[in-house]
């Protein structure tokens, strides 16, 4: 029979995995040059687009 201490340990949520939009791991099929382009686009999206995209989403624009 589990005690209250063991029940609380079991009830702790697992950490959420890092979001990954590459569901089919297609990046693994790319050449190193193509992977560099993917990394460059991802960096641009995270630094330039992500800071403002939520405002447009919430404004339904």
C-alpha atoms as a PDB file:
ATOM      1  CA  UNK A   1       0.000   0.000   0.000  1.00  0.00           C
ATOM      2  CA  UNK A   2       1.597   3.324  -1.015  1.00  0.00           C
ATOM      3  CA  UNK A   3       2.124   5.929   1.623  1.00  0.00           C
ATOM      4  CA  UNK A   4       1.385   9.636   1.211  1.00  0.00           C
ATOM      5  CA  UNK A   5       5.081  10.323   0.548  1.00  0.00           C
ATOM      6  CA  UNK A   6       5.324   7.822  -2.296  1.00  0.00           C
ATOM      7  CA  UNK A   7       1.960   8.905  -3.738  1.00  0.00           C
ATOM      8  CA  UNK A   8       3.124  12.526  -3.973  1.00  0.00           C
ATOM      9  CA  UNK A   9       6.310  11.431  -5.755  1.00  0.00           C
ATOM     10  CA  UNK A  10       4.282   9.462  -8.286  1.00  0.00           C
ATOM     11  CA  UNK A  11       1.917  12.405  -8.829  1.00  0.00           C
ATOM     12  CA  UNK A  12       4.724  14.815  -9.768  1.00  0.00           C
ATOM     13  CA  UNK A  13       4.354  15.764 -13.439  1.00  0.00           C
ATOM     14  CA  UNK A  14       7.038  14.757 -15.894  1.00  0.00           C
ATOM     15  CA  UNK A  15       8.980  17.625 -17.458  1.00  0.00           C
ATOM     16  CA  UNK A  16       7.643  18.799 -20.796  1.00  0.00           C
ATOM     17  CA  UNK A  17       9.912  17.887 -23.713  1.00  0.00           C
ATOM     18  CA  UNK A  18      11.503  20.608 -25.806  1.00  0.00           C
ATOM     19  CA  UNK A  19       9.210  21.496 -28.725  1.00  0.00           C
ATOM     20  CA  UNK A  20      10.348  19.992 -31.982  1.00  0.00           C
ATOM     21  CA  UNK A  21       8.534  20.743 -35.221  1.00  0.00           C
ATOM     22  CA  UNK A  22      10.450  18.067 -37.119  1.00  0.00           C
ATOM     23  CA  UNK A  23       8.047  15.228 -36.337  1.00  0.00           C
ATOM     24  CA  UNK A  24       9.537  12.911 -38.956  1.00  0.00           C
ATOM     25  CA  UNK A  25      13.210  13.771 -38.276  1.00  0.00           C
ATOM     26  CA  UNK A  26      13.668  14.959 -41.859  1.00  0.00           C
ATOM     27  CA  UNK A  27      16.583  17.185 -40.844  1.00  0.00           C
ATOM     28  CA  UNK A  28      18.634  14.026 -40.365  1.00  0.00           C
ATOM     29  CA  UNK A  29      18.356  13.406 -44.122  1.00  0.00           C
ATOM     30  CA  UNK A  30      19.830  16.798 -45.045  1.00  0.00           C
ATOM     31  CA  UNK A  31      23.382  17.573 -46.057  1.00  0.00           C
ATOM     32  CA  UNK A  32      25.526  19.667 -43.690  1.00  0.00           C
ATOM     33  CA  UNK A  33      24.977  22.728 -45.921  1.00  0.00           C
ATOM     34  CA  UNK A  34      21.197  22.251 -45.809  1.00  0.00           C
ATOM     35  CA  UNK A  35      21.326  21.796 -42.028  1.00  0.00           C
ATOM     36  CA  UNK A  36      23.196  25.108 -41.805  1.00  0.00           C
ATOM     37  CA  UNK A  37      20.357  26.803 -43.723  1.00  0.00           C
ATOM     38  CA  UNK A  38      17.791  25.246 -41.378  1.00  0.00           C
ATOM     39  CA  UNK A  39      19.762  26.499 -38.364  1.00  0.00           C
ATOM     40  CA  UNK A  40      20.023  29.989 -39.871  1.00  0.00           C
ATOM     41  CA  UNK A  41      16.267  30.138 -40.548  1.00  0.00           C
ATOM     42  CA  UNK A  42      15.472  28.833 -37.058  1.00  0.00           C
ATOM     43  CA  UNK A  43      17.738  31.468 -35.484  1.00  0.00           C
ATOM     44  CA  UNK A  44      16.087  34.220 -37.538  1.00  0.00           C
ATOM     45  CA  UNK A  45      12.609  33.043 -36.567  1.00  0.00           C
ATOM     46  CA  UNK A  46      13.525  32.878 -32.881  1.00  0.00           C
ATOM     47  CA  UNK A  47      15.234  36.279 -32.778  1.00  0.00           C
ATOM     48  CA  UNK A  48      13.157  38.387 -35.193  1.00  0.00           C
ATOM     49  CA  UNK A  49       9.718  36.794 -35.483  1.00  0.00           C
ATOM     50  CA  UNK A  50       9.035  35.128 -32.133  1.00  0.00           C
ATOM     51  CA  UNK A  51       9.221  38.356 -30.081  1.00  0.00           C
ATOM     52  CA  UNK A  52       6.382  39.967 -32.088  1.00  0.00           C
ATOM     53  CA  UNK A  53       4.284  37.040 -33.322  1.00  0.00           C
ATOM     54  CA  UNK A  54       2.209  36.666 -30.143  1.00  0.00           C
ATOM     55  CA  UNK A  55       0.878  40.225 -30.477  1.00  0.00           C
ATOM     56  CA  UNK A  56      -0.366  39.520 -33.990  1.00  0.00           C
ATOM     57  CA  UNK A  57      -1.823  36.201 -32.881  1.00  0.00           C
ATOM     58  CA  UNK A  58      -3.736  37.749 -29.991  1.00  0.00           C
ATOM     59  CA  UNK A  59      -4.917  40.653 -32.198  1.00  0.00           C
ATOM     60  CA  UNK A  60      -6.083  38.114 -34.816  1.00  0.00           C
ATOM     61  CA  UNK A  61      -4.131  40.017 -37.439  1.00  0.00           C
END
